[in-house]
Amino acid sequence: MTNPPTAPPGSRDRDLIHVAAAALVDRAGRILLAQRADDAHQGGLWEFPGGKLEPGEGIDDGLARELHEELGIVPLRHRPLIRVTHDYGDRRVLLAVHLVSEWHGDPHGREGQPLRWVEPARLATYPMPPADVPIVAALTLPSSYVITPPQIGDERRLFAGLEATLGAGARLLQLRLFDITGSELHRIGRRFCAVCREQGARVLLNGDVGVMRAIGADGLHLSSRQLNAAMTRPAAHGELLAASCHTPTDLMRAAAIGADFALLSPVLPTRSHPDADPLGWDTFAAWVDPVPLPVYALGGMSPELLDIAFAHGAQGVAGIRGLWIESA
């Protein structure tokens, strides 16, 4: 497995505590939390199991060691989920978090720590150290973010494509429709959101927050221009907020206004923007590494690239081509 850089660009390794952490997911989709001892740093709070890496120890070895020491299990299948850097004032930590979907043994608190299996929707109700909070966002987002074709053309074909895309498993979509009247956007948007809601999928509108609420969307997606104009979070807490980013400054601004996730593009060459200079995976990983929120890779993406995206710090992949299923 290819690992991203071990520390954010420009960080001081001597100050940075490297931690391997695990989000264990059982067959019912629940996540395991452990409670920190009262006399520990951030004592009494709930966290994702893991611990400090030993000098020269890799993530895979450190994760296996920590899970055996803390929970008495051996991880069998896992992948990168998110990397989080946080400054507590008295210490700086880098959490390399892996999603663990299969293990040997029965998890139990070998150090006497209370454990609890929690539904993803309830994770946010548990008080956690600040460094663990972005992990919750990553766990509640899917691995793909599907963007609608910007031109409707045939409305019947749009909704046939939506049904096919939802049928293929899409659960997070961006409604991005341009060059139509306001009344058309309201009518089509309400229908689009209703269809998605029936299938348990969430929709973010690329547009205005007022229209977002009028059509019943689950959140707002900001263009890079809107992101740079925003002084505060334009969506309420409880409404999803995402942003399109093209630079490290964009990414940090998205985090600063409280976005729930971001898109970074273009990662690879695309047919729609043949003259754009793609970032490549190494630059993507370097820019995403210090950002405390999930980031999807956009530009030339397809489901076949998910493992590469995960290995370079992405929440998953986003796009139109390769993810939206066109209906005949």
C-alpha atoms as a PDB file:
ATOM      1  CA  MET A   1       0.000   0.000   0.000  1.00  0.00           C
ATOM      2  CA  THR A   2       1.316   3.464  -0.901  1.00  0.00           C
ATOM      3  CA  ASN A   3       1.407   5.830   2.058  1.00  0.00           C
ATOM      4  CA  PRO A   4       1.139   9.635   1.779  1.00  0.00           C
ATOM      5  CA  PRO A   5       3.901  11.823   3.224  1.00  0.00           C
ATOM      6  CA  THR A   6       4.529  11.155   6.926  1.00  0.00           C
ATOM      7  CA  ALA A   7       4.088  14.791   7.918  1.00  0.00           C
ATOM      8  CA  PRO A   8       2.459  17.928   6.496  1.00  0.00           C
ATOM      9  CA  PRO A   9       4.713  20.069   4.299  1.00  0.00           C
ATOM     10  CA  GLY A  10       6.721  22.494   6.423  1.00  0.00           C
ATOM     11  CA  SER A  11       5.864  20.801   9.735  1.00  0.00           C
ATOM     12  CA  ARG A  12       8.512  20.295  12.384  1.00  0.00           C
ATOM     13  CA  ASP A  13       8.776  16.523  12.850  1.00  0.00           C
ATOM     14  CA  ARG A  14      10.442  16.945  16.260  1.00  0.00           C
ATOM     15  CA  ASP A  15       7.266  18.675  17.544  1.00  0.00           C
ATOM     16  CA  LEU A  16       4.789  16.397  15.834  1.00  0.00           C
ATOM     17  CA  ILE A  17       3.419  13.315  17.605  1.00  0.00           C
ATOM     18  CA  HIS A  18       2.530  10.687  15.003  1.00  0.00           C
ATOM     19  CA  VAL A  19      -0.502   8.608  15.950  1.00  0.00           C
ATOM     20  CA  ALA A  20      -2.096   5.585  14.271  1.00  0.00           C
ATOM     21  CA  ALA A  21      -5.848   5.472  14.859  1.00  0.00           C
ATOM     22  CA  ALA A  22      -8.567   3.073  13.753  1.00  0.00           C
ATOM     23  CA  ALA A  23     -12.218   3.441  12.857  1.00  0.00           C
ATOM     24  CA  LEU A  24     -13.508  -0.096  13.331  1.00  0.00           C
ATOM     25  CA  VAL A  25     -16.758  -0.748  11.449  1.00  0.00           C
ATOM     26  CA  ASP A  26     -18.775  -3.852  12.311  1.00  0.00           C
ATOM     27  CA  ARG A  27     -21.182  -5.690  10.000  1.00  0.00           C
ATOM     28  CA  ALA A  28     -24.079  -3.538  11.217  1.00  0.00           C
ATOM     29  CA  GLY A  29     -22.188  -0.376  10.208  1.00  0.00           C
ATOM     30  CA  ARG A  30     -21.487   0.716  13.776  1.00  0.00           C
ATOM     31  CA  ILE A  31     -18.224   2.411  14.782  1.00  0.00           C
ATOM     32  CA  LEU A  32     -16.194   1.531  17.878  1.00  0.00           C
ATOM     33  CA  LEU A  33     -15.324   4.329  20.316  1.00  0.00           C
ATOM     34  CA  ALA A  34     -13.135   4.106  23.400  1.00  0.00           C
ATOM     35  CA  GLN A  35     -13.188   6.466  26.397  1.00  0.00           C
ATOM     36  CA  ARG A  36      -9.946   8.063  27.532  1.00  0.00           C
ATOM     37  CA  ALA A  37      -8.900   7.705  31.162  1.00  0.00           C
ATOM     38  CA  ASP A  38      -9.787  10.707  33.315  1.00  0.00           C
ATOM     39  CA  ASP A  39      -6.134  11.418  34.116  1.00  0.00           C
ATOM     40  CA  ALA A  40      -4.985  11.258  30.469  1.00  0.00           C
ATOM     41  CA  HIS A  41      -4.577  14.138  28.000  1.00  0.00           C
ATOM     42  CA  GLN A  42      -8.138  15.034  26.894  1.00  0.00           C
ATOM     43  CA  GLY A  43      -9.303  12.719  29.694  1.00  0.00           C
ATOM     44  CA  GLY A  44     -12.890  11.456  29.801  1.00  0.00           C
ATOM     45  CA  LEU A  45     -13.520  12.126  26.122  1.00  0.00           C
ATOM     46  CA  TRP A  46     -14.387   9.469  23.547  1.00  0.00           C
ATOM     47  CA  GLU A  47     -11.901   8.665  20.793  1.00  0.00           C
ATOM     48  CA  PHE A  48     -11.062   6.295  17.985  1.00  0.00           C
ATOM     49  CA  PRO A  49      -8.695   3.580  19.273  1.00  0.00           C
ATOM     50  CA  GLY A  50      -5.001   3.937  18.545  1.00  0.00           C
ATOM     51  CA  GLY A  51      -1.818   5.414  19.877  1.00  0.00           C
ATOM     52  CA  LYS A  52       1.580   6.965  19.323  1.00  0.00           C
ATOM     53  CA  LEU A  53       3.864   5.398  16.746  1.00  0.00           C
ATOM     54  CA  GLU A  54       7.245   4.198  17.906  1.00  0.00           C
ATOM     55  CA  PRO A  55      10.384   5.694  16.272  1.00  0.00           C
ATOM     56  CA  GLY A  56      10.758   4.336  12.746  1.00  0.00           C
ATOM     57  CA  GLU A  57       7.474   2.425  12.919  1.00  0.00           C
ATOM     58  CA  GLY A  58       5.196   2.451   9.857  1.00  0.00           C
ATOM     59  CA  ILE A  59       1.453   3.042   9.974  1.00  0.00           C
ATOM     60  CA  ASP A  60       0.497  -0.553   9.210  1.00  0.00           C
ATOM     61  CA  ASP A  61       2.759  -2.013  11.898  1.00  0.00           C
ATOM     62  CA  GLY A  62       1.831   0.641  14.423  1.00  0.00           C
ATOM     63  CA  LEU A  63      -1.877   0.168  13.833  1.00  0.00           C
ATOM     64  CA  ALA A  64      -1.589  -3.607  14.289  1.00  0.00           C
ATOM     65  CA  ARG A  65       0.417  -3.179  17.489  1.00  0.00           C
ATOM     66  CA  GLU A  66      -1.925  -0.598  19.006  1.00  0.00           C
ATOM     67  CA  LEU A  67      -5.080  -2.567  18.221  1.00  0.00           C
ATOM     68  CA  HIS A  68      -3.606  -5.693  19.774  1.00  0.00           C
ATOM     69  CA  GLU A  69      -2.463  -3.830  22.877  1.00  0.00           C
ATOM     70  CA  GLU A  70      -5.690  -1.861  23.358  1.00  0.00           C
ATOM     71  CA  LEU A  71      -8.389  -4.177  22.025  1.00  0.00           C
ATOM     72  CA  GLY A  72      -6.855  -7.630  21.709  1.00  0.00           C
ATOM     73  CA  ILE A  73      -7.530  -7.891  17.973  1.00  0.00           C
ATOM     74  CA  VAL A  74      -5.526  -8.331  14.777  1.00  0.00           C
ATOM     75  CA  PRO A  75      -6.610  -6.135  11.824  1.00  0.00           C
ATOM     76  CA  LEU A  76      -7.110  -8.115   8.614  1.00  0.00           C
ATOM     77  CA  ARG A  77      -8.504  -5.530   6.209  1.00  0.00           C
ATOM     78  CA  HIS A  78      -8.084  -1.770   6.387  1.00  0.00           C
ATOM     79  CA  ARG A  79      -7.473   1.285   4.253  1.00  0.00           C
ATOM     80  CA  PRO A  80      -6.533   4.943   4.788  1.00  0.00           C
ATOM     81  CA  LEU A  81      -9.513   7.104   5.793  1.00  0.00           C
ATOM     82  CA  ILE A  82      -8.168  10.554   6.707  1.00  0.00           C
ATOM     83  CA  ARG A  83      -5.075  12.274   8.143  1.00  0.00           C
ATOM     84  CA  VAL A  84      -5.639  15.017  10.706  1.00  0.00           C
ATOM     85  CA  THR A  85      -3.084  17.475  12.080  1.00  0.00           C
ATOM     86  CA  HIS A  86      -4.096  19.371  15.212  1.00  0.00           C
ATOM     87  CA  ASP A  87      -2.287  21.770  17.532  1.00  0.00           C
ATOM     88  CA  TYR A  88      -3.405  21.456  21.173  1.00  0.00           C
ATOM     89  CA  GLY A  89      -1.049  24.206  22.301  1.00  0.00           C
ATOM     90  CA  ASP A  90       1.032  21.929  24.501  1.00  0.00           C
ATOM     91  CA  ARG A  91       1.451  19.350  21.741  1.00  0.00           C
ATOM     92  CA  ARG A  92       0.882  18.831  18.028  1.00  0.00           C
ATOM     93  CA  VAL A  93      -0.513  15.551  16.736  1.00  0.00           C
ATOM     94  CA  LEU A  94      -0.828  13.930  13.338  1.00  0.00           C
ATOM     95  CA  LEU A  95      -3.499  11.240  13.274  1.00  0.00           C
ATOM     96  CA  ALA A  96      -3.213   8.733  10.440  1.00  0.00           C
ATOM     97  CA  VAL A  97      -6.651   7.119  10.556  1.00  0.00           C
ATOM     98  CA  HIS A  98      -7.495   3.828   8.864  1.00  0.00           C
ATOM     99  CA  LEU A  99     -10.936   2.355   8.275  1.00  0.00           C
ATOM    100  CA  VAL A 100     -10.792  -1.214   9.620  1.00  0.00           C
ATOM    101  CA  SER A 101     -13.508  -3.466   8.195  1.00  0.00           C
ATOM    102  CA  GLU A 102     -12.233  -6.911   9.171  1.00  0.00           C
ATOM    103  CA  TRP A 103     -10.260  -8.221  12.137  1.00  0.00           C
ATOM    104  CA  HIS A 104      -9.531 -11.348  14.141  1.00  0.00           C
ATOM    105  CA  GLY A 105     -10.677 -11.484  17.744  1.00  0.00           C
ATOM    106  CA  ASP A 106     -13.354  -9.832  19.880  1.00  0.00           C
ATOM    107  CA  PRO A 107     -12.605  -6.169  20.700  1.00  0.00           C
ATOM    108  CA  HIS A 108     -12.414  -5.569  24.439  1.00  0.00           C
ATOM    109  CA  GLY A 109     -10.797  -2.912  26.597  1.00  0.00           C
ATOM    110  CA  ARG A 110      -7.527  -4.570  27.568  1.00  0.00           C
ATOM    111  CA  GLU A 111      -6.507  -1.436  29.494  1.00  0.00           C
ATOM    112  CA  GLY A 112      -9.835  -1.184  31.318  1.00  0.00           C
ATOM    113  CA  GLN A 113     -11.160   1.528  28.983  1.00  0.00           C
ATOM    114  CA  PRO A 114     -14.930   1.602  28.323  1.00  0.00           C
ATOM    115  CA  LEU A 115     -15.912   0.765  24.730  1.00  0.00           C
ATOM    116  CA  ARG A 116     -19.080   1.561  22.826  1.00  0.00           C
ATOM    117  CA  TRP A 117     -20.386   0.631  19.356  1.00  0.00           C
ATOM    118  CA  VAL A 118     -22.086   3.723  17.890  1.00  0.00           C
ATOM    119  CA  GLU A 119     -24.285   4.313  14.865  1.00  0.00           C
ATOM    120  CA  PRO A 120     -22.561   6.761  12.465  1.00  0.00           C
ATOM    121  CA  ALA A 121     -25.400   9.289  12.774  1.00  0.00           C
ATOM    122  CA  ARG A 122     -24.841   9.426  16.557  1.00  0.00           C
ATOM    123  CA  LEU A 123     -21.058   9.852  16.562  1.00  0.00           C
ATOM    124  CA  ALA A 124     -21.332  13.634  16.801  1.00  0.00           C
ATOM    125  CA  THR A 125     -23.216  13.321  20.108  1.00  0.00           C
ATOM    126  CA  TYR A 126     -20.128  11.915  21.854  1.00  0.00           C
ATOM    127  CA  PRO A 127     -17.653  14.490  23.233  1.00  0.00           C
ATOM    128  CA  MET A 128     -14.311  13.964  21.499  1.00  0.00           C
ATOM    129  CA  PRO A 129     -10.855  15.545  21.378  1.00  0.00           C
ATOM    130  CA  PRO A 130     -10.754  18.184  18.607  1.00  0.00           C
ATOM    131  CA  ALA A 131      -8.349  16.090  16.519  1.00  0.00           C
ATOM    132  CA  ASP A 132     -10.934  13.300  16.331  1.00  0.00           C
ATOM    133  CA  VAL A 133     -13.824  15.474  15.129  1.00  0.00           C
ATOM    134  CA  PRO A 134     -12.879  15.478  11.394  1.00  0.00           C
ATOM    135  CA  ILE A 135     -12.862  11.672  11.513  1.00  0.00           C
ATOM    136  CA  VAL A 136     -16.601  11.773  12.193  1.00  0.00           C
ATOM    137  CA  ALA A 137     -17.177  13.772   9.001  1.00  0.00           C
ATOM    138  CA  ALA A 138     -15.124  11.275   6.999  1.00  0.00           C
ATOM    139  CA  LEU A 139     -17.109   8.356   8.403  1.00  0.00           C
ATOM    140  CA  THR A 140     -20.470   9.894   7.522  1.00  0.00           C
ATOM    141  CA  LEU A 141     -19.548  10.651   3.895  1.00  0.00           C
ATOM    142  CA  PRO A 142     -19.490   8.053   1.084  1.00  0.00           C
ATOM    143  CA  SER A 143     -16.493   7.350  -1.133  1.00  0.00           C
ATOM    144  CA  SER A 144     -18.015   9.002  -4.202  1.00  0.00           C
ATOM    145  CA  TYR A 145     -19.590  12.414  -4.819  1.00  0.00           C
ATOM    146  CA  VAL A 146     -21.559  12.487  -8.059  1.00  0.00           C
ATOM    147  CA  ILE A 147     -22.023  15.747  -9.951  1.00  0.00           C
ATOM    148  CA  THR A 148     -24.904  16.154 -12.376  1.00  0.00           C
ATOM    149  CA  PRO A 149     -24.258  17.198 -15.988  1.00  0.00           C
ATOM    150  CA  PRO A 150     -24.575  21.027 -15.988  1.00  0.00           C
ATOM    151  CA  GLN A 151     -26.923  21.157 -18.988  1.00  0.00           C
ATOM    152  CA  ILE A 152     -30.312  19.484 -18.701  1.00  0.00           C
ATOM    153  CA  GLY A 153     -31.029  18.992 -22.386  1.00  0.00           C
ATOM    154  CA  ASP A 154     -33.858  16.490 -22.006  1.00  0.00           C
ATOM    155  CA  GLU A 155     -35.451  16.549 -18.544  1.00  0.00           C
ATOM    156  CA  ARG A 156     -36.686  12.990 -18.967  1.00  0.00           C
ATOM    157  CA  ARG A 157     -33.115  11.872 -19.643  1.00  0.00           C
ATOM    158  CA  LEU A 158     -31.868  13.737 -16.542  1.00  0.00           C
ATOM    159  CA  PHE A 159     -34.195  11.814 -14.246  1.00  0.00           C
ATOM    160  CA  ALA A 160     -33.579   8.517 -16.020  1.00  0.00           C
ATOM    161  CA  GLY A 161     -29.879   9.109 -15.406  1.00  0.00           C
ATOM    162  CA  LEU A 162     -30.601   9.963 -11.779  1.00  0.00           C
ATOM    163  CA  GLU A 163     -32.515   6.719 -11.264  1.00  0.00           C
ATOM    164  CA  ALA A 164     -29.673   4.734 -12.853  1.00  0.00           C
ATOM    165  CA  THR A 165     -27.028   6.537 -10.799  1.00  0.00           C
ATOM    166  CA  LEU A 166     -28.918   5.990  -7.546  1.00  0.00           C
ATOM    167  CA  GLY A 167     -29.475   2.367  -8.522  1.00  0.00           C
ATOM    168  CA  ALA A 168     -25.703   1.969  -8.866  1.00  0.00           C
ATOM    169  CA  GLY A 169     -25.280   3.066  -5.245  1.00  0.00           C
ATOM    170  CA  ALA A 170     -24.705   6.838  -5.338  1.00  0.00           C
ATOM    171  CA  ARG A 171     -25.639   8.411  -1.996  1.00  0.00           C
ATOM    172  CA  LEU A 172     -24.165  11.923  -2.258  1.00  0.00           C
ATOM    173  CA  LEU A 173     -24.886  14.145  -5.247  1.00  0.00           C
ATOM    174  CA  GLN A 174     -24.277  17.720  -6.317  1.00  0.00           C
ATOM    175  CA  LEU A 175     -27.146  19.299  -8.270  1.00  0.00           C
ATOM    176  CA  ARG A 176     -25.362  21.628 -10.690  1.00  0.00           C
ATOM    177  CA  LEU A 177     -27.726  23.085 -13.265  1.00  0.00           C
ATOM    178  CA  PHE A 178     -26.967  26.245 -15.207  1.00  0.00           C
ATOM    179  CA  ASP A 179     -28.720  28.284 -17.914  1.00  0.00           C
ATOM    180  CA  ILE A 180     -32.262  27.603 -16.716  1.00  0.00           C
ATOM    181  CA  THR A 181     -34.832  29.943 -15.208  1.00  0.00           C
ATOM    182  CA  GLY A 182     -35.381  30.253 -11.496  1.00  0.00           C
ATOM    183  CA  SER A 183     -38.811  28.649 -11.701  1.00  0.00           C
ATOM    184  CA  GLU A 184     -37.391  25.694 -13.643  1.00  0.00           C
ATOM    185  CA  LEU A 185     -34.627  25.237 -11.082  1.00  0.00           C
ATOM    186  CA  HIS A 186     -37.145  25.239  -8.241  1.00  0.00           C
ATOM    187  CA  ARG A 187     -39.433  22.729  -9.972  1.00  0.00           C
ATOM    188  CA  ILE A 188     -36.670  20.377 -11.134  1.00  0.00           C
ATOM    189  CA  GLY A 189     -34.731  20.780  -7.887  1.00  0.00           C
ATOM    190  CA  ARG A 190     -37.678  19.826  -5.703  1.00  0.00           C
ATOM    191  CA  ARG A 191     -38.307  16.718  -7.775  1.00  0.00           C
ATOM    192  CA  PHE A 192     -34.604  15.824  -7.830  1.00  0.00           C
ATOM    193  CA  CYS A 193     -34.306  16.089  -4.037  1.00  0.00           C
ATOM    194  CA  ALA A 194     -37.497  14.101  -3.488  1.00  0.00           C
ATOM    195  CA  VAL A 195     -36.250  11.225  -5.660  1.00  0.00           C
ATOM    196  CA  CYS A 196     -32.906  11.193  -3.843  1.00  0.00           C
ATOM    197  CA  ARG A 197     -34.554  11.297  -0.435  1.00  0.00           C
ATOM    198  CA  GLU A 198     -36.619   8.223  -1.294  1.00  0.00           C
ATOM    199  CA  GLN A 199     -33.367   6.346  -1.963  1.00  0.00           C
ATOM    200  CA  GLY A 200     -31.590   7.593   1.159  1.00  0.00           C
ATOM    201  CA  ALA A 201     -29.259   9.871  -0.835  1.00  0.00           C
ATOM    202  CA  ARG A 202     -28.260  13.438   0.051  1.00  0.00           C
ATOM    203  CA  VAL A 203     -28.146  16.396  -2.339  1.00  0.00           C
ATOM    204  CA  LEU A 204     -26.055  19.581  -2.271  1.00  0.00           C
ATOM    205  CA  LEU A 205     -27.083  22.453  -4.504  1.00  0.00           C
ATOM    206  CA  ASN A 206     -24.394  24.314  -6.409  1.00  0.00           C
ATOM    207  CA  GLY A 207     -25.983  27.732  -6.144  1.00  0.00           C
ATOM    208  CA  ASP A 208     -27.768  29.962  -3.660  1.00  0.00           C
ATOM    209  CA  VAL A 209     -28.532  29.039  -0.051  1.00  0.00           C
ATOM    210  CA  GLY A 210     -32.092  30.339  -0.357  1.00  0.00           C
ATOM    211  CA  VAL A 211     -32.801  28.124  -3.359  1.00  0.00           C
ATOM    212  CA  MET A 212     -31.110  25.237  -1.564  1.00  0.00           C
ATOM    213  CA  ARG A 213     -33.633  25.473   1.254  1.00  0.00           C
ATOM    214  CA  ALA A 214     -36.558  26.092  -1.071  1.00  0.00           C
ATOM    215  CA  ILE A 215     -35.995  22.858  -2.999  1.00  0.00           C
ATOM    216  CA  GLY A 216     -35.315  20.789   0.117  1.00  0.00           C
ATOM    217  CA  ALA A 217     -31.634  20.059  -0.539  1.00  0.00           C
ATOM    218  CA  ASP A 218     -29.427  18.728   2.245  1.00  0.00           C
ATOM    219  CA  GLY A 219     -26.690  21.282   1.771  1.00  0.00           C
ATOM    220  CA  LEU A 220     -24.849  23.850  -0.295  1.00  0.00           C
ATOM    221  CA  HIS A 221     -21.863  23.490  -2.602  1.00  0.00           C
ATOM    222  CA  LEU A 222     -19.754  26.626  -3.069  1.00  0.00           C
ATOM    223  CA  SER A 223     -17.827  27.396  -6.222  1.00  0.00           C
ATOM    224  CA  SER A 224     -14.256  28.599  -5.640  1.00  0.00           C
ATOM    225  CA  ARG A 225     -15.481  32.146  -6.320  1.00  0.00           C
ATOM    226  CA  GLN A 226     -18.237  31.829  -3.706  1.00  0.00           C
ATOM    227  CA  LEU A 227     -15.762  30.274  -1.272  1.00  0.00           C
ATOM    228  CA  ASN A 228     -13.374  33.205  -1.545  1.00  0.00           C
ATOM    229  CA  ALA A 229     -16.229  35.678  -1.089  1.00  0.00           C
ATOM    230  CA  ALA A 230     -17.595  33.963   2.028  1.00  0.00           C
ATOM    231  CA  MET A 231     -16.611  35.549   5.329  1.00  0.00           C
ATOM    232  CA  THR A 232     -18.508  33.041   7.483  1.00  0.00           C
ATOM    233  CA  ARG A 233     -20.209  29.689   7.018  1.00  0.00           C
ATOM    234  CA  PRO A 234     -23.192  30.381   4.713  1.00  0.00           C
ATOM    235  CA  ALA A 235     -25.084  27.215   5.627  1.00  0.00           C
ATOM    236  CA  ALA A 236     -26.484  26.370   9.031  1.00  0.00           C
ATOM    237  CA  HIS A 237     -24.981  23.605  11.131  1.00  0.00           C
ATOM    238  CA  GLY A 238     -26.910  20.489  10.232  1.00  0.00           C
ATOM    239  CA  GLU A 239     -26.868  21.525   6.574  1.00  0.00           C
ATOM    240  CA  LEU A 240     -23.931  20.110   4.611  1.00  0.00           C
ATOM    241  CA  LEU A 241     -21.427  22.594   3.223  1.00  0.00           C
ATOM    242  CA  ALA A 242     -18.860  21.752   0.533  1.00  0.00           C
ATOM    243  CA  ALA A 243     -16.498  23.847  -1.568  1.00  0.00           C
ATOM    244  CA  SER A 244     -14.588  23.581  -4.837  1.00  0.00           C
ATOM    245  CA  CYS A 245     -10.862  24.198  -4.321  1.00  0.00           C
ATOM    246  CA  HIS A 246      -7.885  24.577  -6.642  1.00  0.00           C
ATOM    247  CA  THR A 247      -5.081  25.734  -4.320  1.00  0.00           C
ATOM    248  CA  PRO A 248      -3.821  25.104  -0.775  1.00  0.00           C
ATOM    249  CA  THR A 249      -5.208  28.527   0.164  1.00  0.00           C
ATOM    250  CA  ASP A 250      -8.666  27.482  -1.040  1.00  0.00           C
ATOM    251  CA  LEU A 251      -8.492  24.327   1.067  1.00  0.00           C
ATOM    252  CA  MET A 252      -7.525  26.165   4.228  1.00  0.00           C
ATOM    253  CA  ARG A 253     -10.240  28.747   3.629  1.00  0.00           C
ATOM    254  CA  ALA A 254     -12.820  25.970   3.277  1.00  0.00           C
ATOM    255  CA  ALA A 255     -11.688  24.624   6.642  1.00  0.00           C
ATOM    256  CA  ALA A 256     -11.712  28.109   8.182  1.00  0.00           C
ATOM    257  CA  ILE A 257     -15.368  28.794   7.294  1.00  0.00           C
ATOM    258  CA  GLY A 258     -16.427  25.383   8.603  1.00  0.00           C
ATOM    259  CA  ALA A 259     -17.003  23.430   5.397  1.00  0.00           C
ATOM    260  CA  ASP A 260     -17.841  19.775   5.961  1.00  0.00           C
ATOM    261  CA  PHE A 261     -15.767  18.640   2.982  1.00  0.00           C
ATOM    262  CA  ALA A 262     -14.027  19.945  -0.115  1.00  0.00           C
ATOM    263  CA  LEU A 263     -13.157  19.031  -3.696  1.00  0.00           C
ATOM    264  CA  LEU A 264      -9.650  19.539  -5.055  1.00  0.00           C
ATOM    265  CA  SER A 265      -9.093  19.670  -8.815  1.00  0.00           C
ATOM    266  CA  PRO A 266      -7.931  18.958 -11.396  1.00  0.00           C
ATOM    267  CA  VAL A 267      -6.027  15.881 -10.249  1.00  0.00           C
ATOM    268  CA  LEU A 268      -5.744  14.188 -13.658  1.00  0.00           C
ATOM    269  CA  PRO A 269      -6.286  15.411 -17.241  1.00  0.00           C
ATOM    270  CA  THR A 270      -9.917  15.763 -18.298  1.00  0.00           C
ATOM    271  CA  ARG A 271     -11.702  15.996 -21.618  1.00  0.00           C
ATOM    272  CA  SER A 272     -13.751  18.971 -20.406  1.00  0.00           C
ATOM    273  CA  HIS A 273     -10.633  21.026 -19.508  1.00  0.00           C
ATOM    274  CA  PRO A 274      -7.852  19.777 -21.814  1.00  0.00           C
ATOM    275  CA  ASP A 275      -5.721  22.921 -21.286  1.00  0.00           C
ATOM    276  CA  ALA A 276      -5.735  22.707 -17.479  1.00  0.00           C
ATOM    277  CA  ASP A 277      -2.491  21.684 -15.787  1.00  0.00           C
ATOM    278  CA  PRO A 278      -3.335  18.641 -13.626  1.00  0.00           C
ATOM    279  CA  LEU A 279      -1.957  18.422 -10.091  1.00  0.00           C
ATOM    280  CA  GLY A 280      -1.083  14.742 -10.097  1.00  0.00           C
ATOM    281  CA  TRP A 281      -1.471  12.458  -7.101  1.00  0.00           C
ATOM    282  CA  ASP A 282       1.688  13.511  -5.234  1.00  0.00           C
ATOM    283  CA  THR A 283       0.688  17.192  -5.221  1.00  0.00           C
ATOM    284  CA  PHE A 284      -2.860  16.264  -4.273  1.00  0.00           C
ATOM    285  CA  ALA A 285      -1.547  14.313  -1.256  1.00  0.00           C
ATOM    286  CA  ALA A 286       0.790  17.120  -0.187  1.00  0.00           C
ATOM    287  CA  TRP A 287      -1.929  19.791  -0.370  1.00  0.00           C
ATOM    288  CA  VAL A 288      -4.574  17.705   1.370  1.00  0.00           C
ATOM    289  CA  ASP A 289      -2.344  16.418   4.172  1.00  0.00           C
ATOM    290  CA  PRO A 290      -2.531  19.489   6.488  1.00  0.00           C
ATOM    291  CA  VAL A 291      -6.239  20.155   5.849  1.00  0.00           C
ATOM    292  CA  PRO A 292      -8.538  19.129   8.744  1.00  0.00           C
ATOM    293  CA  LEU A 293     -11.505  18.030   6.640  1.00  0.00           C
ATOM    294  CA  PRO A 294     -12.335  15.304   4.091  1.00  0.00           C
ATOM    295  CA  VAL A 295     -11.312  16.125   0.507  1.00  0.00           C
ATOM    296  CA  TYR A 296     -12.534  14.409  -2.669  1.00  0.00           C
ATOM    297  CA  ALA A 297     -10.308  14.135  -5.739  1.00  0.00           C
ATOM    298  CA  LEU A 298     -11.880  15.693  -8.852  1.00  0.00           C
ATOM    299  CA  GLY A 299     -10.707  15.614 -12.449  1.00  0.00           C
ATOM    300  CA  GLY A 300     -10.359  12.457 -14.520  1.00  0.00           C
ATOM    301  CA  MET A 301     -11.850  10.314 -11.761  1.00  0.00           C
ATOM    302  CA  SER A 302     -13.618   6.952 -11.943  1.00  0.00           C
ATOM    303  CA  PRO A 303     -14.511   4.256  -9.375  1.00  0.00           C
ATOM    304  CA  GLU A 304     -11.461   2.268 -10.535  1.00  0.00           C
ATOM    305  CA  LEU A 305      -9.233   4.977  -9.025  1.00  0.00           C
ATOM    306  CA  LEU A 306     -10.648   4.719  -5.493  1.00  0.00           C
ATOM    307  CA  ASP A 307      -7.766   2.730  -4.025  1.00  0.00           C
ATOM    308  CA  ILE A 308      -5.237   5.193  -5.454  1.00  0.00           C
ATOM    309  CA  ALA A 309      -7.311   8.093  -4.106  1.00  0.00           C
ATOM    310  CA  PHE A 310      -7.497   6.541  -0.621  1.00  0.00           C
ATOM    311  CA  ALA A 311      -3.736   5.950  -0.599  1.00  0.00           C
ATOM    312  CA  HIS A 312      -3.145   9.652  -1.311  1.00  0.00           C
ATOM    313  CA  GLY A 313      -5.387  10.981   1.441  1.00  0.00           C
ATOM    314  CA  ALA A 314      -8.663  11.438  -0.435  1.00  0.00           C
ATOM    315  CA  GLN A 315     -12.097  10.848   1.015  1.00  0.00           C
ATOM    316  CA  GLY A 316     -12.901   9.377  -2.382  1.00  0.00           C
ATOM    317  CA  VAL A 317     -13.549  10.498  -5.932  1.00  0.00           C
ATOM    318  CA  ALA A 318     -15.906  13.082  -7.418  1.00  0.00           C
ATOM    319  CA  GLY A 319     -17.002  13.866 -10.929  1.00  0.00           C
ATOM    320  CA  ILE A 320     -19.546  13.668 -13.714  1.00  0.00           C
ATOM    321  CA  ARG A 321     -18.004  11.349 -16.277  1.00  0.00           C
ATOM    322  CA  GLY A 322     -17.284   7.988 -14.761  1.00  0.00           C
ATOM    323  CA  LEU A 323     -19.780   8.456 -11.916  1.00  0.00           C
ATOM    324  CA  TRP A 324     -23.012   9.801 -13.434  1.00  0.00           C
ATOM    325  CA  ILE A 325     -24.732   7.094 -15.453  1.00  0.00           C
ATOM    326  CA  GLU A 326     -26.176   8.413 -18.689  1.00  0.00           C
ATOM    327  CA  SER A 327     -29.467   6.859 -19.682  1.00  0.00           C
ATOM    328  CA  ALA A 328     -30.120   5.963 -23.302  1.00  0.00           C
END
